[in-house]
Each structure stands twice: as structure tokens, then as C-alpha cells.
């Protein structure tokens, strides 16, 4: 993995984490590095789930497919974090 790929993962992680946090209503609680970490972990989770479920790749572009699966994974991760109380009180 070269520097370009590392920077790309960080940038995509930031975008994915920001979009997922905005979607889940936790943007004020997940700022900065936490948003990036959620996005990167969500991308790994989403990619793994996508493969395990045998879902087709909807886009031929790697970046777009990573954004989609990463967004799904990040939303799941945020929901789990909210459920166990890491992002505020349970509702």
C-alpha cells in the first residue's frame, strides 16, 4: 500500500463517516478523527458484508462502490455504537 492509497482511504473514510453521521443524526457527536475512523471501519465492515451476502457491485468504479458499501457499513456501525451507548444515551 503506497502513500496515495493511504491518503485515498483517509479521504474516503472522512466522506463516508461524515455522510453516515449526517444520515444517522450523530454529526455533532462524531467530529474530527472519530468521523474518519467510523468511515474507515464502516468501509471495511460494509465491504465484508457486501462480499458475505454475495451482493453485486452496482458500480464499475472502485471509489463509488467503496462509498456505497462503506456508507452502509458506517450506518450499521453508528447504529451499534448508539445501541450500546457510545454515542449518547439510548432512546
N, C-alpha and C. Protein backbone atom coordinates (compact mmCIF):
# COMPACT_ATOMS: atom_id res chain seq x y z
N UNK A 1 0.85 -1.16 0.00
CA UNK A 1 0.00 0.00 0.00
C UNK A 1 0.91 1.24 0.00
N UNK A 2 0.71 2.08 -0.99
CA UNK A 2 1.55 3.27 -1.08
C UNK A 2 0.84 4.48 -0.45
N UNK A 3 1.54 5.60 -0.45
CA UNK A 3 1.01 6.81 0.19
C UNK A 3 -0.30 7.26 -0.44
N UNK A 4 -0.42 7.14 -1.76
CA UNK A 4 -1.64 7.53 -2.46
C UNK A 4 -2.84 6.74 -1.95
N UNK A 5 -2.69 5.43 -1.80
CA UNK A 5 -3.80 4.59 -1.31
C UNK A 5 -4.17 4.93 0.12
N UNK A 6 -3.17 5.21 0.95
CA UNK A 6 -3.44 5.57 2.34
C UNK A 6 -4.22 6.88 2.41
N UNK A 7 -3.79 7.87 1.64
CA UNK A 7 -4.49 9.16 1.61
C UNK A 7 -5.91 8.98 1.07
N UNK A 8 -6.06 8.15 0.03
CA UNK A 8 -7.38 7.89 -0.54
C UNK A 8 -8.31 7.25 0.50
N UNK A 9 -7.83 6.28 1.28
CA UNK A 9 -8.64 5.65 2.32
C UNK A 9 -9.05 6.67 3.38
N UNK A 10 -8.12 7.56 3.75
CA UNK A 10 -8.45 8.56 4.77
C UNK A 10 -9.50 9.53 4.24
N UNK A 11 -9.32 9.99 2.99
CA UNK A 11 -10.28 10.93 2.41
C UNK A 11 -11.64 10.26 2.25
N UNK A 12 -11.67 9.06 1.69
CA UNK A 12 -12.94 8.34 1.55
C UNK A 12 -13.56 8.05 2.90
N UNK A 13 -12.72 7.70 3.89
CA UNK A 13 -13.23 7.46 5.24
C UNK A 13 -13.87 8.69 5.83
N UNK A 14 -13.25 9.84 5.58
CA UNK A 14 -13.83 11.09 6.09
C UNK A 14 -15.17 11.38 5.43
N UNK A 15 -15.25 11.19 4.12
CA UNK A 15 -16.51 11.44 3.40
C UNK A 15 -17.58 10.46 3.85
N UNK A 16 -17.23 9.19 3.91
CA UNK A 16 -18.18 8.15 4.32
C UNK A 16 -18.66 8.39 5.75
N UNK A 17 -17.72 8.66 6.66
CA UNK A 17 -18.09 8.91 8.05
C UNK A 17 -18.97 10.13 8.20
N UNK A 18 -18.64 11.20 7.47
CA UNK A 18 -19.45 12.42 7.53
C UNK A 18 -20.87 12.16 7.02
N UNK A 19 -20.99 11.48 5.86
CA UNK A 19 -22.31 11.20 5.29
C UNK A 19 -23.13 10.30 6.23
N UNK A 20 -22.51 9.27 6.76
CA UNK A 20 -23.22 8.35 7.65
C UNK A 20 -23.64 9.06 8.95
N UNK A 21 -22.74 9.88 9.50
CA UNK A 21 -23.07 10.62 10.72
C UNK A 21 -24.20 11.62 10.48
N UNK A 22 -24.17 12.26 9.33
CA UNK A 22 -25.24 13.19 8.96
C UNK A 22 -26.57 12.43 8.82
N UNK A 23 -26.54 11.29 8.15
CA UNK A 23 -27.72 10.47 7.94
C UNK A 23 -28.31 9.96 9.26
N UNK A 24 -27.43 9.56 10.18
CA UNK A 24 -27.87 8.99 11.45
C UNK A 24 -28.12 10.04 12.53
N UNK A 25 -27.87 11.31 12.23
CA UNK A 25 -28.12 12.37 13.20
C UNK A 25 -27.12 12.43 14.33
N UNK A 26 -25.91 11.96 14.09
CA UNK A 26 -24.88 11.96 15.14
C UNK A 26 -23.69 12.84 14.78
N UNK A 27 -23.87 13.74 13.83
CA UNK A 27 -22.74 14.53 13.35
C UNK A 27 -22.10 15.37 14.45
N UNK A 28 -22.89 15.93 15.35
CA UNK A 28 -22.34 16.75 16.43
C UNK A 28 -21.53 15.92 17.42
N UNK A 29 -21.81 14.62 17.51
CA UNK A 29 -21.10 13.76 18.45
C UNK A 29 -19.90 13.08 17.82
N UNK A 30 -19.80 13.07 16.51
CA UNK A 30 -18.71 12.37 15.83
C UNK A 30 -17.92 13.32 14.94
N UNK A 31 -17.21 14.21 15.53
CA UNK A 31 -16.42 15.17 14.76
C UNK A 31 -14.97 14.73 14.67
N UNK A 32 -14.28 15.27 13.70
CA UNK A 32 -12.85 15.06 13.58
C UNK A 32 -12.45 13.63 13.29
N UNK A 33 -11.47 13.17 14.04
CA UNK A 33 -10.87 11.86 13.79
C UNK A 33 -11.87 10.73 13.99
N UNK A 34 -12.84 10.90 14.88
CA UNK A 34 -13.85 9.87 15.11
C UNK A 34 -14.66 9.63 13.84
N UNK A 35 -14.99 10.68 13.12
CA UNK A 35 -15.74 10.56 11.87
C UNK A 35 -14.93 9.77 10.85
N UNK A 36 -13.64 10.05 10.76
CA UNK A 36 -12.77 9.34 9.82
C UNK A 36 -12.66 7.87 10.21
N UNK A 37 -12.47 7.61 11.49
CA UNK A 37 -12.36 6.22 11.97
C UNK A 37 -13.65 5.45 11.69
N UNK A 38 -14.78 6.07 11.99
CA UNK A 38 -16.07 5.41 11.70
C UNK A 38 -16.19 5.12 10.21
N UNK A 39 -15.79 6.07 9.38
CA UNK A 39 -15.87 5.86 7.94
C UNK A 39 -14.96 4.74 7.45
N UNK A 40 -13.74 4.70 7.94
CA UNK A 40 -12.80 3.65 7.52
C UNK A 40 -13.27 2.29 8.01
N UNK A 41 -13.62 2.20 9.28
CA UNK A 41 -14.12 0.93 9.81
C UNK A 41 -15.42 0.52 9.13
N UNK A 42 -16.27 1.50 8.87
CA UNK A 42 -17.52 1.22 8.16
C UNK A 42 -17.27 0.72 6.75
N UNK A 43 -16.24 1.25 6.07
CA UNK A 43 -15.90 0.77 4.73
C UNK A 43 -15.47 -0.69 4.77
N UNK A 44 -14.65 -1.03 5.76
CA UNK A 44 -14.24 -2.43 5.90
C UNK A 44 -15.44 -3.32 6.22
N UNK A 45 -16.28 -2.88 7.16
CA UNK A 45 -17.47 -3.64 7.53
C UNK A 45 -18.42 -3.80 6.36
N UNK A 46 -18.69 -2.70 5.67
CA UNK A 46 -19.59 -2.73 4.52
C UNK A 46 -19.06 -3.61 3.40
N UNK A 47 -17.76 -3.49 3.10
CA UNK A 47 -17.16 -4.34 2.07
C UNK A 47 -17.22 -5.81 2.42
N UNK A 48 -16.97 -6.12 3.69
CA UNK A 48 -17.03 -7.51 4.14
C UNK A 48 -18.47 -8.05 4.04
N UNK A 49 -19.44 -7.25 4.52
CA UNK A 49 -20.84 -7.67 4.46
C UNK A 49 -21.30 -7.85 3.01
N UNK A 50 -20.89 -6.92 2.15
CA UNK A 50 -21.26 -6.98 0.73
C UNK A 50 -20.80 -8.31 0.14
N UNK A 51 -19.56 -8.69 0.47
CA UNK A 51 -18.98 -9.94 -0.05
C UNK A 51 -19.68 -11.15 0.55
N UNK A 52 -19.94 -11.13 1.86
CA UNK A 52 -20.58 -12.27 2.53
C UNK A 52 -21.99 -12.51 2.03
N UNK A 53 -22.70 -11.43 1.73
CA UNK A 53 -24.08 -11.56 1.25
C UNK A 53 -24.15 -11.81 -0.25
N UNK A 54 -23.01 -11.76 -0.92
CA UNK A 54 -22.98 -12.02 -2.35
C UNK A 54 -23.67 -10.95 -3.18
N UNK A 55 -23.70 -9.73 -2.66
CA UNK A 55 -24.36 -8.63 -3.38
C UNK A 55 -23.51 -8.20 -4.57
N UNK A 56 -24.17 -7.84 -5.66
CA UNK A 56 -23.41 -7.42 -6.85
C UNK A 56 -22.82 -6.04 -6.67
N UNK A 57 -21.76 -5.78 -7.42
CA UNK A 57 -21.20 -4.44 -7.45
C UNK A 57 -22.04 -3.62 -8.40
N UNK A 58 -22.62 -2.55 -7.88
CA UNK A 58 -23.51 -1.71 -8.68
C UNK A 58 -22.75 -0.74 -9.57
N UNK A 59 -21.52 -0.47 -9.22
CA UNK A 59 -20.73 0.48 -9.98
C UNK A 59 -19.45 -0.20 -10.45
N UNK A 60 -19.00 0.18 -11.60
CA UNK A 60 -17.73 -0.37 -12.08
C UNK A 60 -16.56 0.37 -11.46
N UNK A 61 -16.80 1.57 -10.98
CA UNK A 61 -15.73 2.35 -10.37
C UNK A 61 -15.52 1.89 -8.93
N UNK A 62 -14.28 1.64 -8.58
CA UNK A 62 -13.94 1.17 -7.24
C UNK A 62 -14.32 2.21 -6.19
N UNK A 63 -14.09 3.47 -6.45
CA UNK A 63 -14.36 4.52 -5.47
C UNK A 63 -15.85 4.59 -5.17
N UNK A 64 -16.69 4.54 -6.19
CA UNK A 64 -18.14 4.62 -5.96
C UNK A 64 -18.65 3.40 -5.21
N UNK A 65 -18.15 2.22 -5.54
CA UNK A 65 -18.57 1.01 -4.83
C UNK A 65 -18.12 1.05 -3.37
N UNK A 66 -16.92 1.57 -3.14
CA UNK A 66 -16.41 1.70 -1.77
C UNK A 66 -17.26 2.69 -0.98
N UNK A 67 -17.66 3.79 -1.62
CA UNK A 67 -18.51 4.76 -0.93
C UNK A 67 -19.85 4.15 -0.54
N UNK A 68 -20.45 3.39 -1.45
CA UNK A 68 -21.76 2.79 -1.17
C UNK A 68 -21.67 1.75 -0.06
N UNK A 69 -20.76 0.79 -0.20
CA UNK A 69 -20.65 -0.24 0.82
C UNK A 69 -20.13 0.34 2.13
N UNK A 70 -19.25 1.32 2.05
CA UNK A 70 -18.74 1.97 3.26
C UNK A 70 -19.81 2.75 3.99
N UNK A 71 -20.69 3.40 3.23
CA UNK A 71 -21.80 4.14 3.84
C UNK A 71 -22.71 3.18 4.60
N UNK A 72 -23.05 2.06 3.97
CA UNK A 72 -23.91 1.06 4.62
C UNK A 72 -23.22 0.53 5.88
N UNK A 73 -21.95 0.20 5.77
CA UNK A 73 -21.21 -0.29 6.94
C UNK A 73 -21.10 0.73 8.04
N UNK A 74 -20.90 2.00 7.67
CA UNK A 74 -20.80 3.07 8.67
C UNK A 74 -22.12 3.31 9.38
N UNK A 75 -23.22 3.25 8.64
CA UNK A 75 -24.53 3.40 9.26
C UNK A 75 -24.77 2.27 10.26
N UNK A 76 -24.41 1.05 9.89
CA UNK A 76 -24.54 -0.08 10.81
C UNK A 76 -23.67 0.13 12.04
N UNK A 77 -22.44 0.57 11.82
CA UNK A 77 -21.52 0.80 12.94
C UNK A 77 -22.04 1.89 13.87
N UNK A 78 -22.54 2.98 13.32
CA UNK A 78 -23.10 4.06 14.15
C UNK A 78 -24.32 3.56 14.92
N UNK A 79 -25.17 2.78 14.27
CA UNK A 79 -26.35 2.23 14.95
C UNK A 79 -25.93 1.34 16.12
N UNK A 80 -24.90 0.52 15.91
CA UNK A 80 -24.40 -0.32 17.00
C UNK A 80 -23.82 0.53 18.13
N UNK A 81 -23.06 1.56 17.77
CA UNK A 81 -22.48 2.44 18.78
C UNK A 81 -23.56 3.18 19.57
N UNK A 82 -24.61 3.61 18.88
CA UNK A 82 -25.73 4.26 19.57
C UNK A 82 -26.44 3.26 20.48
N UNK A 83 -26.57 2.03 20.01
CA UNK A 83 -27.26 0.99 20.78
C UNK A 83 -26.58 0.63 22.08
N UNK A 84 -25.25 0.67 22.09
CA UNK A 84 -24.54 0.33 23.32
C UNK A 84 -24.15 1.56 24.13
N UNK A 85 -24.58 2.74 23.66
CA UNK A 85 -24.41 3.95 24.44
C UNK A 85 -23.10 4.70 24.21
N UNK A 86 -22.34 4.36 23.17
CA UNK A 86 -21.09 5.08 22.91
C UNK A 86 -21.32 6.44 22.27
N UNK A 87 -22.48 6.67 21.70
CA UNK A 87 -22.79 7.96 21.08
C UNK A 87 -23.99 8.60 21.75
N UNK A 88 -23.97 8.63 23.04
CA UNK A 88 -25.07 9.24 23.78
C UNK A 88 -25.96 8.20 24.42
N UNK A 89 -27.01 8.69 25.03
CA UNK A 89 -27.95 7.81 25.73
C UNK A 89 -28.81 7.04 24.75
N UNK A 90 -29.17 5.82 25.16
CA UNK A 90 -30.12 5.02 24.38
C UNK A 90 -31.49 5.66 24.44
N UNK A 91 -32.22 5.57 23.34
CA UNK A 91 -33.58 6.12 23.33
C UNK A 91 -34.60 5.03 23.46
